[in-house]
Amino acid sequence: MSASTLVFEVGDYVVYPKHGVGRVIELQKSEIAGMQLELYVLRFEKEKMTLRVPTNKAEGVGMRKLSSDKTLKEALQVLTTKPKVKRTMWSRRAQEYEAKINSGDLVSIAEVTRDLFRADDQPEQSYSERQIFEAASSRLARELAAMEESDEKTAQAKILQILNEHAPLYYAEKTL
């Protein structure tokens, strides 16, 4: 194959940092600008998007296999921990959250999900906070679903259950 150390087969789930979980639907050879390239053709169902990634660039762009069971366990554990309250300006925090989501790192995505979660009895979020929370929890749910061979809705319900079980513990601390 090519110089890339990552090898994906047709049918494999992969994580592309900027788009989340996709599936390799084809290995393609194409000539682009006079060069022969081998490409992974990825399909992202949720976005209804197809992406072609040169096999020799897959590692460089951060494309990876699904997380290990250990990493998944660590990410779900993060959801049970106390949210980090930051006092910086929202625009700066939003940039940090977006960077964590786009890193493709499951534990970082879980941290954003935990930090922006609001239980029903907590103060409402701004529109932009809600958007970032939904992006993070959706990314987390899609990888969880792919790993557990379930659907995104089931995975999302599991994430929300964990958050709802643990949020009252930390929210109660703040009001005491």
C-alpha atoms as a PDB file:
ATOM      1  CA  MET A   1       0.000   0.000   0.000  1.00  0.00           C
ATOM      2  CA  SER A   2       1.321   3.532   0.635  1.00  0.00           C
ATOM      3  CA  ALA A   3       3.621   5.045   3.251  1.00  0.00           C
ATOM      4  CA  SER A   4       0.760   5.474   5.736  1.00  0.00           C
ATOM      5  CA  THR A   5       0.914   3.231   8.801  1.00  0.00           C
ATOM      6  CA  LEU A   6      -2.871   3.317   9.133  1.00  0.00           C
ATOM      7  CA  VAL A   7      -4.712   0.780   7.055  1.00  0.00           C
ATOM      8  CA  PHE A   8      -8.474   0.847   6.795  1.00  0.00           C
ATOM      9  CA  GLU A   9     -10.653  -1.650   4.974  1.00  0.00           C
ATOM     10  CA  VAL A  10     -13.976  -1.135   3.243  1.00  0.00           C
ATOM     11  CA  GLY A  11     -16.683  -1.263   5.930  1.00  0.00           C
ATOM     12  CA  ASP A  12     -14.447   0.005   8.757  1.00  0.00           C
ATOM     13  CA  TYR A  13     -15.722   2.804  10.954  1.00  0.00           C
ATOM     14  CA  VAL A  14     -13.203   5.630  11.220  1.00  0.00           C
ATOM     15  CA  VAL A  15     -13.049   8.961  13.010  1.00  0.00           C
ATOM     16  CA  TYR A  16     -12.190  12.036  10.977  1.00  0.00           C
ATOM     17  CA  PRO A  17     -11.531  14.850  13.492  1.00  0.00           C
ATOM     18  CA  LYS A  18     -13.573  17.611  11.837  1.00  0.00           C
ATOM     19  CA  HIS A  19     -16.547  15.395  10.939  1.00  0.00           C
ATOM     20  CA  GLY A  20     -16.709  12.601  13.506  1.00  0.00           C
ATOM     21  CA  VAL A  21     -17.535   8.966  12.752  1.00  0.00           C
ATOM     22  CA  GLY A  22     -17.706   7.863   9.147  1.00  0.00           C
ATOM     23  CA  ARG A  23     -17.413   4.592   7.301  1.00  0.00           C
ATOM     24  CA  VAL A  24     -14.949   3.568   4.611  1.00  0.00           C
ATOM     25  CA  ILE A  25     -17.196   2.726   1.658  1.00  0.00           C
ATOM     26  CA  GLU A  26     -14.563   2.352  -1.031  1.00  0.00           C
ATOM     27  CA  LEU A  27     -10.839   2.320  -1.758  1.00  0.00           C
ATOM     28  CA  GLN A  28     -10.307   4.262  -4.955  1.00  0.00           C
ATOM     29  CA  LYS A  29      -7.402   4.951  -7.299  1.00  0.00           C
ATOM     30  CA  SER A  30      -7.561   8.324  -9.031  1.00  0.00           C
ATOM     31  CA  GLU A  31      -5.313  10.538 -11.067  1.00  0.00           C
ATOM     32  CA  ILE A  32      -5.252  14.060  -9.690  1.00  0.00           C
ATOM     33  CA  ALA A  33      -2.947  16.721 -11.138  1.00  0.00           C
ATOM     34  CA  GLY A  34      -1.039  14.034 -13.013  1.00  0.00           C
ATOM     35  CA  MET A  35      -0.392  11.955  -9.886  1.00  0.00           C
ATOM     36  CA  GLN A  36      -1.804   8.516  -9.138  1.00  0.00           C
ATOM     37  CA  LEU A  37      -3.454   8.572  -5.717  1.00  0.00           C
ATOM     38  CA  GLU A  38      -5.031   5.906  -3.551  1.00  0.00           C
ATOM     39  CA  LEU A  39      -8.035   7.313  -1.718  1.00  0.00           C
ATOM     40  CA  TYR A  40     -10.245   6.250   1.147  1.00  0.00           C
ATOM     41  CA  VAL A  41     -13.827   7.172   0.313  1.00  0.00           C
ATOM     42  CA  LEU A  42     -15.612   7.962   3.587  1.00  0.00           C
ATOM     43  CA  ARG A  43     -19.353   8.297   4.073  1.00  0.00           C
ATOM     44  CA  PHE A  44     -20.754  10.375   6.926  1.00  0.00           C
ATOM     45  CA  GLU A  45     -24.429   9.395   7.144  1.00  0.00           C
ATOM     46  CA  LYS A  46     -25.569  12.099   9.535  1.00  0.00           C
ATOM     47  CA  GLU A  47     -24.173  14.900   7.369  1.00  0.00           C
ATOM     48  CA  LYS A  48     -25.054  13.041   4.146  1.00  0.00           C
ATOM     49  CA  MET A  49     -21.495  13.728   3.050  1.00  0.00           C
ATOM     50  CA  THR A  50     -18.825  11.795   1.179  1.00  0.00           C
ATOM     51  CA  LEU A  51     -15.153  12.623   1.680  1.00  0.00           C
ATOM     52  CA  ARG A  52     -12.117  11.364  -0.216  1.00  0.00           C
ATOM     53  CA  VAL A  53      -8.877  11.185   1.765  1.00  0.00           C
ATOM     54  CA  PRO A  54      -5.550  10.198   0.174  1.00  0.00           C
ATOM     55  CA  THR A  55      -4.306   7.084   1.974  1.00  0.00           C
ATOM     56  CA  ASN A  56      -0.882   8.660   2.515  1.00  0.00           C
ATOM     57  CA  LYS A  57      -2.486  11.704   4.207  1.00  0.00           C
ATOM     58  CA  ALA A  58      -4.919   9.840   6.489  1.00  0.00           C
ATOM     59  CA  GLU A  59      -2.628   9.878   9.498  1.00  0.00           C
ATOM     60  CA  GLY A  60      -1.571  13.493   8.906  1.00  0.00           C
ATOM     61  CA  VAL A  61      -5.161  14.774   8.973  1.00  0.00           C
ATOM     62  CA  GLY A  62      -5.838  12.858  12.192  1.00  0.00           C
ATOM     63  CA  MET A  63      -8.016  10.106  10.744  1.00  0.00           C
ATOM     64  CA  ARG A  64      -8.073   7.174  13.159  1.00  0.00           C
ATOM     65  CA  LYS A  65      -9.773   3.926  14.015  1.00  0.00           C
ATOM     66  CA  LEU A  66     -12.549   3.969  16.614  1.00  0.00           C
ATOM     67  CA  SER A  67     -11.305   4.497  20.162  1.00  0.00           C
ATOM     68  CA  SER A  68     -10.205   1.565  22.279  1.00  0.00           C
ATOM     69  CA  ASP A  69     -12.528   0.157  24.937  1.00  0.00           C
ATOM     70  CA  LYS A  70     -10.199   1.690  27.529  1.00  0.00           C
ATOM     71  CA  THR A  71     -10.553   5.167  25.982  1.00  0.00           C
ATOM     72  CA  LEU A  72     -14.339   4.777  25.754  1.00  0.00           C
ATOM     73  CA  LYS A  73     -14.483   3.787  29.426  1.00  0.00           C
ATOM     74  CA  GLU A  74     -12.326   6.816  30.288  1.00  0.00           C
ATOM     75  CA  ALA A  75     -14.601   9.136  28.270  1.00  0.00           C
ATOM     76  CA  LEU A  76     -17.739   7.798  29.976  1.00  0.00           C
ATOM     77  CA  GLN A  77     -15.986   8.185  33.344  1.00  0.00           C
ATOM     78  CA  VAL A  78     -15.313  11.862  32.530  1.00  0.00           C
ATOM     79  CA  LEU A  79     -19.092  12.363  32.254  1.00  0.00           C
ATOM     80  CA  THR A  80     -19.438  11.399  35.930  1.00  0.00           C
ATOM     81  CA  THR A  81     -16.897  13.945  37.170  1.00  0.00           C
ATOM     82  CA  LYS A  82     -17.399  17.510  38.296  1.00  0.00           C
ATOM     83  CA  PRO A  83     -17.799  20.023  35.441  1.00  0.00           C
ATOM     84  CA  LYS A  84     -15.023  22.569  35.047  1.00  0.00           C
ATOM     85  CA  VAL A  85     -16.395  26.074  35.498  1.00  0.00           C
ATOM     86  CA  LYS A  86     -14.331  28.590  33.595  1.00  0.00           C
ATOM     87  CA  ARG A  87     -14.601  32.310  34.174  1.00  0.00           C
ATOM     88  CA  THR A  88     -13.074  33.395  30.867  1.00  0.00           C
ATOM     89  CA  MET A  89     -15.022  35.217  28.174  1.00  0.00           C
ATOM     90  CA  TRP A  90     -17.553  33.046  26.376  1.00  0.00           C
ATOM     91  CA  SER A  91     -15.981  33.633  22.950  1.00  0.00           C
ATOM     92  CA  ARG A  92     -12.638  32.282  24.181  1.00  0.00           C
ATOM     93  CA  ARG A  93     -14.281  29.291  25.893  1.00  0.00           C
ATOM     94  CA  ALA A  94     -16.314  28.588  22.755  1.00  0.00           C
ATOM     95  CA  GLN A  95     -13.104  28.482  20.705  1.00  0.00           C
ATOM     96  CA  GLU A  96     -11.534  26.084  23.211  1.00  0.00           C
ATOM     97  CA  TYR A  97     -14.605  23.844  23.137  1.00  0.00           C
ATOM     98  CA  GLU A  98     -14.675  23.820  19.317  1.00  0.00           C
ATOM     99  CA  ALA A  99     -10.968  22.942  19.234  1.00  0.00           C
ATOM    100  CA  LYS A 100     -11.567  20.030  21.621  1.00  0.00           C
ATOM    101  CA  ILE A 101     -14.487  18.758  19.528  1.00  0.00           C
ATOM    102  CA  ASN A 102     -12.504  19.048  16.288  1.00  0.00           C
ATOM    103  CA  SER A 103      -9.477  17.319  17.834  1.00  0.00           C
ATOM    104  CA  GLY A 104     -11.348  14.044  17.464  1.00  0.00           C
ATOM    105  CA  ASP A 105     -10.136  12.973  20.928  1.00  0.00           C
ATOM    106  CA  LEU A 106     -13.002  11.140  22.618  1.00  0.00           C
ATOM    107  CA  VAL A 107     -12.027  12.138  26.168  1.00  0.00           C
ATOM    108  CA  SER A 108     -11.807  15.838  25.196  1.00  0.00           C
ATOM    109  CA  ILE A 109     -15.218  15.616  23.528  1.00  0.00           C
ATOM    110  CA  ALA A 110     -16.616  14.034  26.710  1.00  0.00           C
ATOM    111  CA  GLU A 111     -15.172  16.939  28.738  1.00  0.00           C
ATOM    112  CA  VAL A 112     -17.006  19.476  26.554  1.00  0.00           C
ATOM    113  CA  THR A 113     -20.215  17.442  26.827  1.00  0.00           C
ATOM    114  CA  ARG A 114     -19.912  17.328  30.632  1.00  0.00           C
ATOM    115  CA  ASP A 115     -18.979  21.005  31.014  1.00  0.00           C
ATOM    116  CA  LEU A 116     -21.871  22.283  28.883  1.00  0.00           C
ATOM    117  CA  PHE A 117     -24.565  19.889  30.134  1.00  0.00           C
ATOM    118  CA  ARG A 118     -27.510  21.512  31.895  1.00  0.00           C
ATOM    119  CA  ALA A 119     -30.053  19.451  33.824  1.00  0.00           C
ATOM    120  CA  ASP A 120     -33.700  20.480  33.633  1.00  0.00           C
ATOM    121  CA  ASP A 121     -33.515  22.236  37.016  1.00  0.00           C
ATOM    122  CA  GLN A 122     -30.419  24.276  36.100  1.00  0.00           C
ATOM    123  CA  PRO A 123     -30.258  27.716  34.484  1.00  0.00           C
ATOM    124  CA  GLU A 124     -30.844  27.771  30.742  1.00  0.00           C
ATOM    125  CA  GLN A 125     -28.016  27.836  28.252  1.00  0.00           C
ATOM    126  CA  SER A 126     -27.452  30.417  25.584  1.00  0.00           C
ATOM    127  CA  TYR A 127     -28.124  29.377  22.008  1.00  0.00           C
ATOM    128  CA  SER A 128     -24.401  29.038  21.218  1.00  0.00           C
ATOM    129  CA  GLU A 129     -23.734  26.972  24.363  1.00  0.00           C
ATOM    130  CA  ARG A 130     -26.560  24.646  23.371  1.00  0.00           C
ATOM    131  CA  GLN A 131     -25.205  24.322  19.811  1.00  0.00           C
ATOM    132  CA  ILE A 132     -21.731  23.390  21.048  1.00  0.00           C
ATOM    133  CA  PHE A 133     -23.169  20.957  23.621  1.00  0.00           C
ATOM    134  CA  GLU A 134     -25.235  19.259  20.909  1.00  0.00           C
ATOM    135  CA  ALA A 135     -22.227  19.030  18.573  1.00  0.00           C
ATOM    136  CA  ALA A 136     -20.074  17.460  21.308  1.00  0.00           C
ATOM    137  CA  SER A 137     -22.710  15.048  22.595  1.00  0.00           C
ATOM    138  CA  SER A 138     -23.590  13.999  19.040  1.00  0.00           C
ATOM    139  CA  ARG A 139     -19.927  13.248  18.222  1.00  0.00           C
ATOM    140  CA  LEU A 140     -19.601  11.272  21.441  1.00  0.00           C
ATOM    141  CA  ALA A 141     -22.846   9.402  20.775  1.00  0.00           C
ATOM    142  CA  ARG A 142     -21.885   8.481  17.204  1.00  0.00           C
ATOM    143  CA  GLU A 143     -18.590   6.941  18.292  1.00  0.00           C
ATOM    144  CA  LEU A 144     -20.254   5.178  21.235  1.00  0.00           C
ATOM    145  CA  ALA A 145     -22.956   3.826  18.891  1.00  0.00           C
ATOM    146  CA  ALA A 146     -20.389   2.550  16.378  1.00  0.00           C
ATOM    147  CA  MET A 147     -18.389   0.861  19.140  1.00  0.00           C
ATOM    148  CA  GLU A 148     -21.408  -0.723  20.820  1.00  0.00           C
ATOM    149  CA  GLU A 149     -23.090  -1.536  17.495  1.00  0.00           C
ATOM    150  CA  SER A 150     -26.207   0.393  18.454  1.00  0.00           C
ATOM    151  CA  ASP A 151     -27.775   3.538  17.024  1.00  0.00           C
ATOM    152  CA  GLU A 152     -27.026   7.162  17.837  1.00  0.00           C
ATOM    153  CA  LYS A 153     -30.339   7.671  19.653  1.00  0.00           C
ATOM    154  CA  THR A 154     -29.609   4.806  22.074  1.00  0.00           C
ATOM    155  CA  ALA A 155     -26.061   6.067  22.651  1.00  0.00           C
ATOM    156  CA  GLN A 156     -27.319   9.630  23.221  1.00  0.00           C
ATOM    157  CA  ALA A 157     -29.834   8.325  25.792  1.00  0.00           C
ATOM    158  CA  LYS A 158     -27.008   6.503  27.626  1.00  0.00           C
ATOM    159  CA  ILE A 159     -24.902   9.684  27.728  1.00  0.00           C
ATOM    160  CA  LEU A 160     -27.804  11.801  29.003  1.00  0.00           C
ATOM    161  CA  GLN A 161     -28.625   9.176  31.639  1.00  0.00           C
ATOM    162  CA  ILE A 162     -25.047   9.309  32.968  1.00  0.00           C
ATOM    163  CA  LEU A 163     -25.070  13.117  32.966  1.00  0.00           C
ATOM    164  CA  ASN A 164     -28.488  13.349  34.648  1.00  0.00           C
ATOM    165  CA  GLU A 165     -27.427  10.890  37.364  1.00  0.00           C
ATOM    166  CA  HIS A 166     -24.291  12.855  38.260  1.00  0.00           C
ATOM    167  CA  ALA A 167     -25.141  16.513  37.576  1.00  0.00           C
ATOM    168  CA  PRO A 168     -27.392  16.903  40.659  1.00  0.00           C
ATOM    169  CA  LEU A 169     -24.472  15.894  42.906  1.00  0.00           C
ATOM    170  CA  TYR A 170     -22.324  18.767  41.669  1.00  0.00           C
ATOM    171  CA  TYR A 171     -25.129  21.257  41.198  1.00  0.00           C
ATOM    172  CA  ALA A 172     -26.192  20.722  44.840  1.00  0.00           C
ATOM    173  CA  GLU A 173     -22.618  21.512  45.972  1.00  0.00           C
ATOM    174  CA  LYS A 174     -22.779  24.920  44.313  1.00  0.00           C
ATOM    175  CA  THR A 175     -26.005  25.928  46.016  1.00  0.00           C
ATOM    176  CA  LEU A 176     -24.902  24.962  49.528  1.00  0.00           C
END
